[in-house]
Amino acid sequence: MNGNETMEQWVEELLRNDSGGEKMTEKQVKILQSAIEIFAEKGFAGSSTSEIAQRAGVAEGTIFRHYKTKKDLLLSIVAPAMTKLIAPFVLRGFNKVLDADYESYEGVIRAMIENRIEFISKHRNILRILMQEIPFHPELQEHFQRDVLGKVLSRLQKLVTQFQAKGQMVDLPSMTVVRLSISTIMGYVAVRTFYAERKDAVWDDEREREETVSFIMRGLGITK
């Protein structure tokens, strides 16, 4: 799947889930596409509505007819993306992992790594915006914690508890195990996605992946 196809799919989903139920004009679609691209490239603070308008091929005043401020434009993209797109996609992927029958926690870790790599590679622009902007916007933090993080952590915590009951890992609070696991996995996946794919990057992906899994297993005292 190429970047253009992914962008079109995001915009189509945003339009389909528009709470107003009214079909957006061609200009509104171009504004959304351009805003996603520029927010991903430069961040919210480094972007301007004039630049978004120029890329969209519309007058700057056209943006303000649909969105009162640049912040409104950001929220119109990211909030529904988290609630109706990212949350279902994340949970669908994690549910597929968590619903499987694994004999060891190592199998869960490896499945989560594969799942997240595929997910990020398909939705890089929106995810880049989320990573850049969530720390600076309380509204986005609330959406993320409620619609994504809380649901994922709850499911994974139950799975960890099951492995602990079998005596397969050290007796730590289950949420601590979850936090350490996800932090390590997402650290590997993020660096792999945004650094390792550069032409000048020195990266042995197979070794990095195995070291990541081993690090988690050793650190949590998990037996296979």
C-alpha atoms as a PDB file:
ATOM      1  CA  MET A   1       0.000   0.000   0.000  1.00  0.00           C
ATOM      2  CA  ASN A   2       1.517   3.333  -0.974  1.00  0.00           C
ATOM      3  CA  GLY A   3       1.260   6.634   0.878  1.00  0.00           C
ATOM      4  CA  ASN A   4      -1.360   8.133  -1.420  1.00  0.00           C
ATOM      5  CA  GLU A   5      -3.680   5.149  -0.998  1.00  0.00           C
ATOM      6  CA  THR A   6      -3.304   5.359   2.769  1.00  0.00           C
ATOM      7  CA  MET A   7      -4.040   9.084   2.770  1.00  0.00           C
ATOM      8  CA  GLU A   8      -7.136   8.584   0.647  1.00  0.00           C
ATOM      9  CA  GLN A   9      -8.386   5.848   2.958  1.00  0.00           C
ATOM     10  CA  TRP A  10      -7.942   8.057   6.025  1.00  0.00           C
ATOM     11  CA  VAL A  11      -9.823  10.931   4.424  1.00  0.00           C
ATOM     12  CA  GLU A  12     -12.586   8.641   3.194  1.00  0.00           C
ATOM     13  CA  GLU A  13     -13.034   7.274   6.710  1.00  0.00           C
ATOM     14  CA  LEU A  14     -13.027  10.759   8.211  1.00  0.00           C
ATOM     15  CA  LEU A  15     -15.692  11.842   5.740  1.00  0.00           C
ATOM     16  CA  ARG A  16     -17.761   8.732   6.305  1.00  0.00           C
ATOM     17  CA  ASN A  17     -17.642   9.280  10.059  1.00  0.00           C
ATOM     18  CA  ASP A  18     -18.366  12.990   9.896  1.00  0.00           C
ATOM     19  CA  SER A  19     -20.816  13.638  12.743  1.00  0.00           C
ATOM     20  CA  GLY A  20     -22.764  16.165  10.702  1.00  0.00           C
ATOM     21  CA  GLY A  21     -23.690  13.561   8.163  1.00  0.00           C
ATOM     22  CA  GLU A  22     -23.217  16.022   5.292  1.00  0.00           C
ATOM     23  CA  LYS A  23     -20.957  15.220   2.392  1.00  0.00           C
ATOM     24  CA  MET A  24     -17.855  17.403   2.322  1.00  0.00           C
ATOM     25  CA  THR A  25     -17.020  19.469  -0.726  1.00  0.00           C
ATOM     26  CA  GLU A  26     -14.000  18.812  -2.889  1.00  0.00           C
ATOM     27  CA  LYS A  27     -12.297  21.830  -1.308  1.00  0.00           C
ATOM     28  CA  GLN A  28     -12.844  20.480   2.199  1.00  0.00           C
ATOM     29  CA  VAL A  29     -11.337  17.148   1.183  1.00  0.00           C
ATOM     30  CA  LYS A  30      -8.270  18.926  -0.203  1.00  0.00           C
ATOM     31  CA  ILE A  31      -7.949  20.968   2.988  1.00  0.00           C
ATOM     32  CA  LEU A  32      -8.008  17.799   5.104  1.00  0.00           C
ATOM     33  CA  GLN A  33      -5.462  16.046   2.907  1.00  0.00           C
ATOM     34  CA  SER A  34      -3.121  19.033   2.929  1.00  0.00           C
ATOM     35  CA  ALA A  35      -3.480  19.550   6.675  1.00  0.00           C
ATOM     36  CA  ILE A  36      -2.615  15.915   7.400  1.00  0.00           C
ATOM     37  CA  GLU A  37       0.472  16.120   5.198  1.00  0.00           C
ATOM     38  CA  ILE A  38       1.734  19.422   6.606  1.00  0.00           C
ATOM     39  CA  PHE A  39       0.959  18.637  10.263  1.00  0.00           C
ATOM     40  CA  ALA A  40       2.874  15.363   9.819  1.00  0.00           C
ATOM     41  CA  GLU A  41       5.821  17.089   8.136  1.00  0.00           C
ATOM     42  CA  LYS A  42       6.164  20.206  10.314  1.00  0.00           C
ATOM     43  CA  GLY A  43       4.076  19.665  13.416  1.00  0.00           C
ATOM     44  CA  PHE A  44       1.134  21.772  14.508  1.00  0.00           C
ATOM     45  CA  ALA A  45       3.198  24.707  15.811  1.00  0.00           C
ATOM     46  CA  GLY A  46       5.360  24.847  12.686  1.00  0.00           C
ATOM     47  CA  SER A  47       2.436  24.786  10.275  1.00  0.00           C
ATOM     48  CA  SER A  48       0.362  27.686   9.016  1.00  0.00           C
ATOM     49  CA  THR A  49      -3.114  27.855   7.571  1.00  0.00           C
ATOM     50  CA  SER A  50      -1.736  29.837   4.631  1.00  0.00           C
ATOM     51  CA  GLU A  51       0.611  26.970   3.796  1.00  0.00           C
ATOM     52  CA  ILE A  52      -2.210  24.435   4.116  1.00  0.00           C
ATOM     53  CA  ALA A  53      -4.390  26.576   1.873  1.00  0.00           C
ATOM     54  CA  GLN A  54      -1.641  26.931  -0.722  1.00  0.00           C
ATOM     55  CA  ARG A  55      -1.060  23.178  -0.885  1.00  0.00           C
ATOM     56  CA  ALA A  56      -4.797  22.551  -1.058  1.00  0.00           C
ATOM     57  CA  GLY A  57      -5.172  25.090  -3.861  1.00  0.00           C
ATOM     58  CA  VAL A  58      -7.762  27.151  -1.994  1.00  0.00           C
ATOM     59  CA  ALA A  59      -7.905  30.633  -0.482  1.00  0.00           C
ATOM     60  CA  GLU A  60      -6.943  30.839   3.206  1.00  0.00           C
ATOM     61  CA  GLY A  61     -10.366  32.275   3.945  1.00  0.00           C
ATOM     62  CA  THR A  62     -11.910  29.018   2.719  1.00  0.00           C
ATOM     63  CA  ILE A  63     -10.284  27.183   5.636  1.00  0.00           C
ATOM     64  CA  PHE A  64     -11.754  29.591   8.157  1.00  0.00           C
ATOM     65  CA  ARG A  65     -15.218  29.194   6.673  1.00  0.00           C
ATOM     66  CA  HIS A  66     -15.093  25.551   7.753  1.00  0.00           C
ATOM     67  CA  TYR A  67     -12.762  25.703  10.784  1.00  0.00           C
ATOM     68  CA  LYS A  68     -12.637  28.651  13.196  1.00  0.00           C
ATOM     69  CA  THR A  69      -8.976  28.172  14.075  1.00  0.00           C
ATOM     70  CA  LYS A  70      -5.979  26.054  13.163  1.00  0.00           C
ATOM     71  CA  LYS A  71      -6.579  24.128  16.404  1.00  0.00           C
ATOM     72  CA  ASP A  72     -10.113  23.302  15.260  1.00  0.00           C
ATOM     73  CA  LEU A  73      -8.662  21.946  12.030  1.00  0.00           C
ATOM     74  CA  LEU A  74      -6.225  19.751  13.965  1.00  0.00           C
ATOM     75  CA  LEU A  75      -8.942  18.406  16.252  1.00  0.00           C
ATOM     76  CA  SER A  76     -11.277  17.763  13.308  1.00  0.00           C
ATOM     77  CA  ILE A  77      -8.641  15.380  11.967  1.00  0.00           C
ATOM     78  CA  VAL A  78      -7.092  13.802  15.037  1.00  0.00           C
ATOM     79  CA  ALA A  79     -10.030  13.437  17.430  1.00  0.00           C
ATOM     80  CA  PRO A  80     -12.230  11.398  15.059  1.00  0.00           C
ATOM     81  CA  ALA A  81      -9.160   9.557  13.806  1.00  0.00           C
ATOM     82  CA  MET A  82      -8.484   8.323  17.336  1.00  0.00           C
ATOM     83  CA  THR A  83     -12.083   7.633  18.253  1.00  0.00           C
ATOM     84  CA  LYS A  84     -13.312   5.982  15.068  1.00  0.00           C
ATOM     85  CA  LEU A  85     -10.192   4.908  13.202  1.00  0.00           C
ATOM     86  CA  ILE A  86      -7.137   4.362  15.354  1.00  0.00           C
ATOM     87  CA  ALA A  87      -8.962   2.920  18.366  1.00  0.00           C
ATOM     88  CA  PRO A  88     -10.795   0.269  16.310  1.00  0.00           C
ATOM     89  CA  PHE A  89      -7.690  -0.550  14.251  1.00  0.00           C
ATOM     90  CA  VAL A  90      -5.468  -0.761  17.338  1.00  0.00           C
ATOM     91  CA  LEU A  91      -7.974  -2.813  19.285  1.00  0.00           C
ATOM     92  CA  ARG A  92      -8.715  -5.061  16.315  1.00  0.00           C
ATOM     93  CA  GLY A  93      -5.021  -5.803  15.967  1.00  0.00           C
ATOM     94  CA  PHE A  94      -4.438  -6.279  19.674  1.00  0.00           C
ATOM     95  CA  ASN A  95      -7.579  -8.362  20.062  1.00  0.00           C
ATOM     96  CA  LYS A  96      -6.317 -10.661  17.324  1.00  0.00           C
ATOM     97  CA  VAL A  97      -3.106 -11.039  19.297  1.00  0.00           C
ATOM     98  CA  LEU A  98      -4.696 -11.288  22.721  1.00  0.00           C
ATOM     99  CA  ASP A  99      -7.455 -13.688  21.699  1.00  0.00           C
ATOM    100  CA  ALA A 100      -4.963 -16.232  20.374  1.00  0.00           C
ATOM    101  CA  ASP A 101      -3.876 -19.135  22.559  1.00  0.00           C
ATOM    102  CA  TYR A 102      -0.197 -18.674  23.391  1.00  0.00           C
ATOM    103  CA  GLU A 103       1.801 -21.134  25.429  1.00  0.00           C
ATOM    104  CA  SER A 104       4.259 -18.443  26.544  1.00  0.00           C
ATOM    105  CA  TYR A 105       4.477 -14.689  27.008  1.00  0.00           C
ATOM    106  CA  GLU A 106       7.251 -14.641  24.418  1.00  0.00           C
ATOM    107  CA  GLY A 107       4.720 -15.608  21.767  1.00  0.00           C
ATOM    108  CA  VAL A 108       2.560 -12.637  22.776  1.00  0.00           C
ATOM    109  CA  ILE A 109       5.520 -10.260  22.545  1.00  0.00           C
ATOM    110  CA  ARG A 110       6.501 -11.448  19.072  1.00  0.00           C
ATOM    111  CA  ALA A 111       2.931 -11.196  17.815  1.00  0.00           C
ATOM    112  CA  MET A 112       2.587  -7.667  19.190  1.00  0.00           C
ATOM    113  CA  ILE A 113       5.795  -6.582  17.459  1.00  0.00           C
ATOM    114  CA  GLU A 114       4.642  -7.919  14.082  1.00  0.00           C
ATOM    115  CA  ASN A 115       1.209  -6.354  14.506  1.00  0.00           C
ATOM    116  CA  ARG A 116       2.532  -2.896  15.397  1.00  0.00           C
ATOM    117  CA  ILE A 117       5.068  -2.809  12.547  1.00  0.00           C
ATOM    118  CA  GLU A 118       2.313  -3.507  10.023  1.00  0.00           C
ATOM    119  CA  PHE A 119      -0.013  -0.955  11.591  1.00  0.00           C
ATOM    120  CA  ILE A 120       2.522   1.889  11.714  1.00  0.00           C
ATOM    121  CA  SER A 121       3.769   1.277   8.178  1.00  0.00           C
ATOM    122  CA  LYS A 122       0.221   1.767   6.848  1.00  0.00           C
ATOM    123  CA  HIS A 123      -0.737   4.824   8.878  1.00  0.00           C
ATOM    124  CA  ARG A 124       2.479   6.743   9.339  1.00  0.00           C
ATOM    125  CA  ASN A 125       1.265  10.323   8.763  1.00  0.00           C
ATOM    126  CA  ILE A 126      -1.625  10.205  11.215  1.00  0.00           C
ATOM    127  CA  LEU A 127       0.516   8.419  13.810  1.00  0.00           C
ATOM    128  CA  ARG A 128       3.286  10.978  13.394  1.00  0.00           C
ATOM    129  CA  ILE A 129       0.755  13.739  14.107  1.00  0.00           C
ATOM    130  CA  LEU A 130      -0.468  11.880  17.190  1.00  0.00           C
ATOM    131  CA  MET A 131       3.037  11.410  18.599  1.00  0.00           C
ATOM    132  CA  GLN A 132       3.927  15.030  17.936  1.00  0.00           C
ATOM    133  CA  GLU A 133       0.757  16.651  19.243  1.00  0.00           C
ATOM    134  CA  ILE A 134      -0.694  14.513  22.059  1.00  0.00           C
ATOM    135  CA  PRO A 135       1.796  15.833  24.668  1.00  0.00           C
ATOM    136  CA  PHE A 136       0.727  19.436  23.974  1.00  0.00           C
ATOM    137  CA  HIS A 137      -3.052  19.174  23.709  1.00  0.00           C
ATOM    138  CA  PRO A 138      -5.105  18.023  26.739  1.00  0.00           C
ATOM    139  CA  GLU A 139      -8.096  17.288  24.504  1.00  0.00           C
ATOM    140  CA  LEU A 140      -6.066  14.774  22.512  1.00  0.00           C
ATOM    141  CA  GLN A 141      -4.614  13.239  25.669  1.00  0.00           C
ATOM    142  CA  GLU A 142      -8.119  12.618  26.978  1.00  0.00           C
ATOM    143  CA  HIS A 143      -9.206  10.990  23.719  1.00  0.00           C
ATOM    144  CA  PHE A 144      -6.098   8.805  23.577  1.00  0.00           C
ATOM    145  CA  GLN A 145      -6.302   7.668  27.194  1.00  0.00           C
ATOM    146  CA  ARG A 146     -10.006   6.861  26.992  1.00  0.00           C
ATOM    147  CA  ASP A 147     -10.370   5.406  23.507  1.00  0.00           C
ATOM    148  CA  VAL A 148      -7.025   3.709  22.915  1.00  0.00           C
ATOM    149  CA  LEU A 149      -4.631   3.297  25.818  1.00  0.00           C
ATOM    150  CA  GLY A 150      -7.140   2.345  28.511  1.00  0.00           C
ATOM    151  CA  LYS A 151      -8.721  -0.416  26.441  1.00  0.00           C
ATOM    152  CA  VAL A 152      -5.408  -1.893  25.295  1.00  0.00           C
ATOM    153  CA  LEU A 153      -3.889  -1.891  28.777  1.00  0.00           C
ATOM    154  CA  SER A 154      -6.947  -3.526  30.297  1.00  0.00           C
ATOM    155  CA  ARG A 155      -6.885  -6.422  27.820  1.00  0.00           C
ATOM    156  CA  LEU A 156      -3.154  -6.977  28.113  1.00  0.00           C
ATOM    157  CA  GLN A 157      -3.237  -6.813  31.912  1.00  0.00           C
ATOM    158  CA  LYS A 158      -5.695  -9.721  32.031  1.00  0.00           C
ATOM    159  CA  LEU A 159      -3.399 -11.781  29.824  1.00  0.00           C
ATOM    160  CA  VAL A 160      -0.391 -11.041  32.029  1.00  0.00           C
ATOM    161  CA  THR A 161      -2.347 -12.100  35.092  1.00  0.00           C
ATOM    162  CA  GLN A 162      -3.039 -15.456  33.459  1.00  0.00           C
ATOM    163  CA  PHE A 163       0.652 -16.094  32.821  1.00  0.00           C
ATOM    164  CA  GLN A 164       1.501 -15.039  36.372  1.00  0.00           C
ATOM    165  CA  ALA A 165      -1.046 -17.521  37.703  1.00  0.00           C
ATOM    166  CA  LYS A 166       0.838 -20.247  35.803  1.00  0.00           C
ATOM    167  CA  GLY A 167       4.099 -19.172  37.460  1.00  0.00           C
ATOM    168  CA  GLN A 168       5.689 -18.184  34.166  1.00  0.00           C
ATOM    169  CA  MET A 169       6.954 -14.751  35.196  1.00  0.00           C
ATOM    170  CA  VAL A 170       8.246 -12.793  38.161  1.00  0.00           C
ATOM    171  CA  ASP A 171       5.693 -11.623  40.706  1.00  0.00           C
ATOM    172  CA  LEU A 172       5.431  -7.950  39.752  1.00  0.00           C
ATOM    173  CA  PRO A 173       2.224  -5.899  39.582  1.00  0.00           C
ATOM    174  CA  SER A 174       0.548  -6.892  36.316  1.00  0.00           C
ATOM    175  CA  MET A 175       0.316  -3.270  35.161  1.00  0.00           C
ATOM    176  CA  THR A 176       4.072  -2.871  35.682  1.00  0.00           C
ATOM    177  CA  VAL A 177       4.672  -5.862  33.423  1.00  0.00           C
ATOM    178  CA  VAL A 178       2.346  -4.366  30.814  1.00  0.00           C
ATOM    179  CA  ARG A 179       3.973  -0.931  30.974  1.00  0.00           C
ATOM    180  CA  LEU A 180       7.514  -2.284  30.672  1.00  0.00           C
ATOM    181  CA  SER A 181       6.541  -4.599  27.817  1.00  0.00           C
ATOM    182  CA  ILE A 182       4.694  -1.992  25.759  1.00  0.00           C
ATOM    183  CA  SER A 183       7.345   0.687  26.345  1.00  0.00           C
ATOM    184  CA  THR A 184      10.104  -1.603  25.096  1.00  0.00           C
ATOM    185  CA  ILE A 185       8.133  -2.917  22.124  1.00  0.00           C
ATOM    186  CA  MET A 186       6.990   0.520  20.986  1.00  0.00           C
ATOM    187  CA  GLY A 187      10.514   1.882  21.410  1.00  0.00           C
ATOM    188  CA  TYR A 188      11.829  -0.764  19.018  1.00  0.00           C
ATOM    189  CA  VAL A 189       8.960  -0.344  16.551  1.00  0.00           C
ATOM    190  CA  ALA A 190       9.179   3.465  16.537  1.00  0.00           C
ATOM    191  CA  VAL A 191      12.935   3.533  15.914  1.00  0.00           C
ATOM    192  CA  ARG A 192      12.588   0.852  13.258  1.00  0.00           C
ATOM    193  CA  THR A 193       9.864   2.812  11.502  1.00  0.00           C
ATOM    194  CA  PHE A 194      11.239   6.343  11.653  1.00  0.00           C
ATOM    195  CA  TYR A 195      14.997   5.701  11.657  1.00  0.00           C
ATOM    196  CA  ALA A 196      15.897   2.235  10.399  1.00  0.00           C
ATOM    197  CA  GLU A 197      14.206   2.754   7.017  1.00  0.00           C
ATOM    198  CA  ARG A 198      16.500   5.687   6.202  1.00  0.00           C
ATOM    199  CA  LYS A 199      19.066   4.927   3.516  1.00  0.00           C
ATOM    200  CA  ASP A 200      21.982   5.958   5.760  1.00  0.00           C
ATOM    201  CA  ALA A 201      20.792   3.953   8.768  1.00  0.00           C
ATOM    202  CA  VAL A 202      22.898   1.100  10.142  1.00  0.00           C
ATOM    203  CA  TRP A 203      20.310  -1.386  11.356  1.00  0.00           C
ATOM    204  CA  ASP A 204      20.257  -5.163  11.733  1.00  0.00           C
ATOM    205  CA  ASP A 205      16.522  -5.674  12.145  1.00  0.00           C
ATOM    206  CA  GLU A 206      16.603  -9.370  12.969  1.00  0.00           C
ATOM    207  CA  ARG A 207      19.189  -8.824  15.697  1.00  0.00           C
ATOM    208  CA  GLU A 208      17.378  -5.769  17.099  1.00  0.00           C
ATOM    209  CA  ARG A 209      14.120  -7.686  17.249  1.00  0.00           C
ATOM    210  CA  GLU A 210      15.663 -10.678  19.014  1.00  0.00           C
ATOM    211  CA  GLU A 211      17.477  -8.422  21.487  1.00  0.00           C
ATOM    212  CA  THR A 212      14.224  -6.611  22.229  1.00  0.00           C
ATOM    213  CA  VAL A 213      12.420  -9.872  22.971  1.00  0.00           C
ATOM    214  CA  SER A 214      15.330 -11.172  25.075  1.00  0.00           C
ATOM    215  CA  PHE A 215      15.530  -7.904  27.003  1.00  0.00           C
ATOM    216  CA  ILE A 216      11.876  -8.141  28.006  1.00  0.00           C
ATOM    217  CA  MET A 217      12.103 -11.816  28.877  1.00  0.00           C
ATOM    218  CA  ARG A 218      15.211 -11.418  31.018  1.00  0.00           C
ATOM    219  CA  GLY A 219      14.054  -8.214  32.667  1.00  0.00           C
ATOM    220  CA  LEU A 220      10.732  -9.683  33.750  1.00  0.00           C
ATOM    221  CA  GLY A 221      12.143 -13.061  34.686  1.00  0.00           C
ATOM    222  CA  ILE A 222       9.807 -14.765  32.237  1.00  0.00           C
ATOM    223  CA  THR A 223      10.232 -18.443  31.434  1.00  0.00           C
ATOM    224  CA  LYS A 224       9.310 -19.811  28.018  1.00  0.00           C
END
